[in-house]
Amino acid sequence: MTSKFESAADLMARALGAEDYRFAVIDHPISSASETALAAQANAAIVRGIEIITS
């Protein structure tokens, strides 16, 4: 998800009883990001996702 929606996602996770739910966050907005910047953010999200899964 993008950083703009991080607090909303955290609130939803807490409301659903998943207070410690972790997720990958990329910069907002993505609509104006260059292809290179978006690819870098996607790669960072993949790395974060792997960290979440393996920890």
N, C-alpha and C. Protein backbone atom coordinates (compact mmCIF):
# COMPACT_ATOMS: atom_id res chain seq x y z
N MET A 1 0.84 -1.16 0.00
CA MET A 1 0.00 0.00 0.00
C MET A 1 0.88 1.23 0.00
N THR A 2 0.30 2.37 -0.27
CA THR A 2 1.08 3.60 -0.25
C THR A 2 1.02 4.24 1.13
N SER A 3 2.01 5.09 1.39
CA SER A 3 2.14 5.72 2.70
C SER A 3 0.91 6.53 3.11
N LYS A 4 0.18 7.04 2.15
CA LYS A 4 -1.01 7.84 2.48
C LYS A 4 -2.07 7.00 3.20
N PHE A 5 -2.09 5.72 2.93
CA PHE A 5 -3.13 4.85 3.49
C PHE A 5 -2.62 3.97 4.64
N GLU A 6 -1.39 4.20 5.07
CA GLU A 6 -0.81 3.39 6.13
C GLU A 6 -1.59 3.47 7.43
N SER A 7 -1.99 4.67 7.84
CA SER A 7 -2.72 4.81 9.10
C SER A 7 -4.10 4.16 9.01
N ALA A 8 -4.74 4.26 7.86
CA ALA A 8 -6.05 3.62 7.69
C ALA A 8 -5.92 2.10 7.74
N ALA A 9 -4.88 1.57 7.14
CA ALA A 9 -4.67 0.12 7.17
C ALA A 9 -4.35 -0.35 8.58
N ASP A 10 -3.56 0.43 9.31
CA ASP A 10 -3.25 0.09 10.69
C ASP A 10 -4.52 0.09 11.54
N LEU A 11 -5.35 1.08 11.36
CA LEU A 11 -6.61 1.15 12.09
C LEU A 11 -7.50 -0.05 11.77
N MET A 12 -7.58 -0.40 10.50
CA MET A 12 -8.40 -1.55 10.09
C MET A 12 -7.86 -2.84 10.69
N ALA A 13 -6.54 -3.00 10.68
CA ALA A 13 -5.94 -4.20 11.26
C ALA A 13 -6.28 -4.30 12.75
N ARG A 14 -6.16 -3.17 13.46
CA ARG A 14 -6.50 -3.17 14.89
C ARG A 14 -7.97 -3.48 15.11
N ALA A 15 -8.83 -2.92 14.27
CA ALA A 15 -10.27 -3.16 14.40
C ALA A 15 -10.62 -4.63 14.18
N LEU A 16 -9.82 -5.29 13.37
CA LEU A 16 -10.06 -6.70 13.07
C LEU A 16 -9.28 -7.65 13.99
N GLY A 17 -8.64 -7.08 15.02
CA GLY A 17 -7.94 -7.89 15.99
C GLY A 17 -6.53 -8.30 15.59
N ALA A 18 -5.96 -7.63 14.61
CA ALA A 18 -4.61 -7.96 14.16
C ALA A 18 -3.69 -6.78 14.42
N GLU A 19 -3.55 -6.43 15.70
CA GLU A 19 -2.79 -5.23 16.09
C GLU A 19 -1.37 -5.22 15.57
N ASP A 20 -0.75 -6.37 15.47
CA ASP A 20 0.65 -6.46 15.05
C ASP A 20 0.81 -6.79 13.58
N TYR A 21 -0.24 -6.64 12.81
CA TYR A 21 -0.16 -6.96 11.38
C TYR A 21 0.86 -6.05 10.70
N ARG A 22 1.75 -6.64 9.95
CA ARG A 22 2.79 -5.87 9.27
C ARG A 22 2.55 -5.90 7.77
N PHE A 23 2.91 -4.83 7.11
CA PHE A 23 2.72 -4.75 5.67
C PHE A 23 3.79 -3.87 5.05
N ALA A 24 3.98 -4.04 3.76
CA ALA A 24 4.96 -3.25 3.02
C ALA A 24 4.30 -1.95 2.57
N VAL A 25 5.03 -0.87 2.69
CA VAL A 25 4.51 0.46 2.35
C VAL A 25 5.46 1.10 1.33
N ILE A 26 4.87 1.69 0.30
CA ILE A 26 5.66 2.44 -0.67
C ILE A 26 5.21 3.90 -0.64
N ASP A 27 6.04 4.76 -1.21
CA ASP A 27 5.74 6.19 -1.21
C ASP A 27 4.47 6.51 -1.99
N HIS A 28 3.82 7.55 -1.56
CA HIS A 28 2.60 8.04 -2.22
C HIS A 28 2.91 9.41 -2.79
N PRO A 29 2.43 9.74 -3.95
CA PRO A 29 1.58 8.96 -4.83
C PRO A 29 2.41 8.12 -5.80
N ILE A 30 1.78 7.11 -6.37
CA ILE A 30 2.48 6.31 -7.37
C ILE A 30 2.12 6.74 -8.79
N SER A 31 1.02 7.45 -8.94
CA SER A 31 0.58 7.83 -10.28
C SER A 31 1.53 8.80 -10.97
N SER A 32 2.27 9.57 -10.19
CA SER A 32 3.20 10.51 -10.79
C SER A 32 4.65 10.04 -10.72
N ALA A 33 4.88 8.84 -10.20
CA ALA A 33 6.24 8.31 -10.10
C ALA A 33 6.72 7.85 -11.46
N SER A 34 7.99 8.06 -11.71
CA SER A 34 8.58 7.58 -12.96
C SER A 34 8.63 6.05 -12.93
N GLU A 35 8.83 5.47 -14.08
CA GLU A 35 8.92 4.01 -14.16
C GLU A 35 10.08 3.51 -13.31
N THR A 36 11.19 4.23 -13.35
CA THR A 36 12.36 3.85 -12.57
C THR A 36 12.08 3.94 -11.06
N ALA A 37 11.46 5.04 -10.64
CA ALA A 37 11.14 5.20 -9.22
C ALA A 37 10.14 4.15 -8.76
N LEU A 38 9.17 3.86 -9.58
CA LEU A 38 8.17 2.87 -9.22
C LEU A 38 8.79 1.47 -9.12
N ALA A 39 9.70 1.16 -10.04
CA ALA A 39 10.39 -0.13 -9.99
C ALA A 39 11.22 -0.24 -8.71
N ALA A 40 11.87 0.84 -8.32
CA ALA A 40 12.66 0.83 -7.09
C ALA A 40 11.76 0.62 -5.88
N GLN A 41 10.61 1.26 -5.86
CA GLN A 41 9.67 1.08 -4.75
C GLN A 41 9.13 -0.34 -4.71
N ALA A 42 8.86 -0.89 -5.89
CA ALA A 42 8.37 -2.27 -5.96
C ALA A 42 9.42 -3.23 -5.42
N ASN A 43 10.66 -3.02 -5.79
CA ASN A 43 11.74 -3.88 -5.28
C ASN A 43 11.87 -3.76 -3.77
N ALA A 44 11.77 -2.55 -3.25
CA ALA A 44 11.84 -2.36 -1.80
C ALA A 44 10.67 -3.06 -1.11
N ALA A 45 9.49 -3.01 -1.71
CA ALA A 45 8.32 -3.68 -1.14
C ALA A 45 8.50 -5.20 -1.13
N ILE A 46 9.13 -5.72 -2.17
CA ILE A 46 9.40 -7.16 -2.21
C ILE A 46 10.35 -7.55 -1.09
N VAL A 47 11.41 -6.77 -0.91
CA VAL A 47 12.37 -7.04 0.17
C VAL A 47 11.66 -6.99 1.52
N ARG A 48 10.83 -5.98 1.73
CA ARG A 48 10.09 -5.85 2.99
C ARG A 48 9.14 -7.03 3.16
N GLY A 49 8.47 -7.43 2.10
CA GLY A 49 7.56 -8.57 2.18
C GLY A 49 8.27 -9.85 2.58
N ILE A 50 9.46 -10.05 2.02
CA ILE A 50 10.26 -11.22 2.38
C ILE A 50 10.66 -11.16 3.85
N GLU A 51 11.04 -9.96 4.32
CA GLU A 51 11.38 -9.80 5.74
C GLU A 51 10.19 -10.14 6.63
N ILE A 52 9.02 -9.68 6.23
CA ILE A 52 7.81 -9.95 7.02
C ILE A 52 7.53 -11.45 7.07
N ILE A 53 7.63 -12.10 5.94
CA ILE A 53 7.31 -13.53 5.86
C ILE A 53 8.31 -14.38 6.61
N THR A 54 9.57 -14.00 6.55
CA THR A 54 10.61 -14.87 7.13
C THR A 54 10.98 -14.53 8.56
N SER A 55 10.38 -13.50 9.12
CA SER A 55 10.74 -13.17 10.51
C SER A 55 9.70 -13.67 11.49
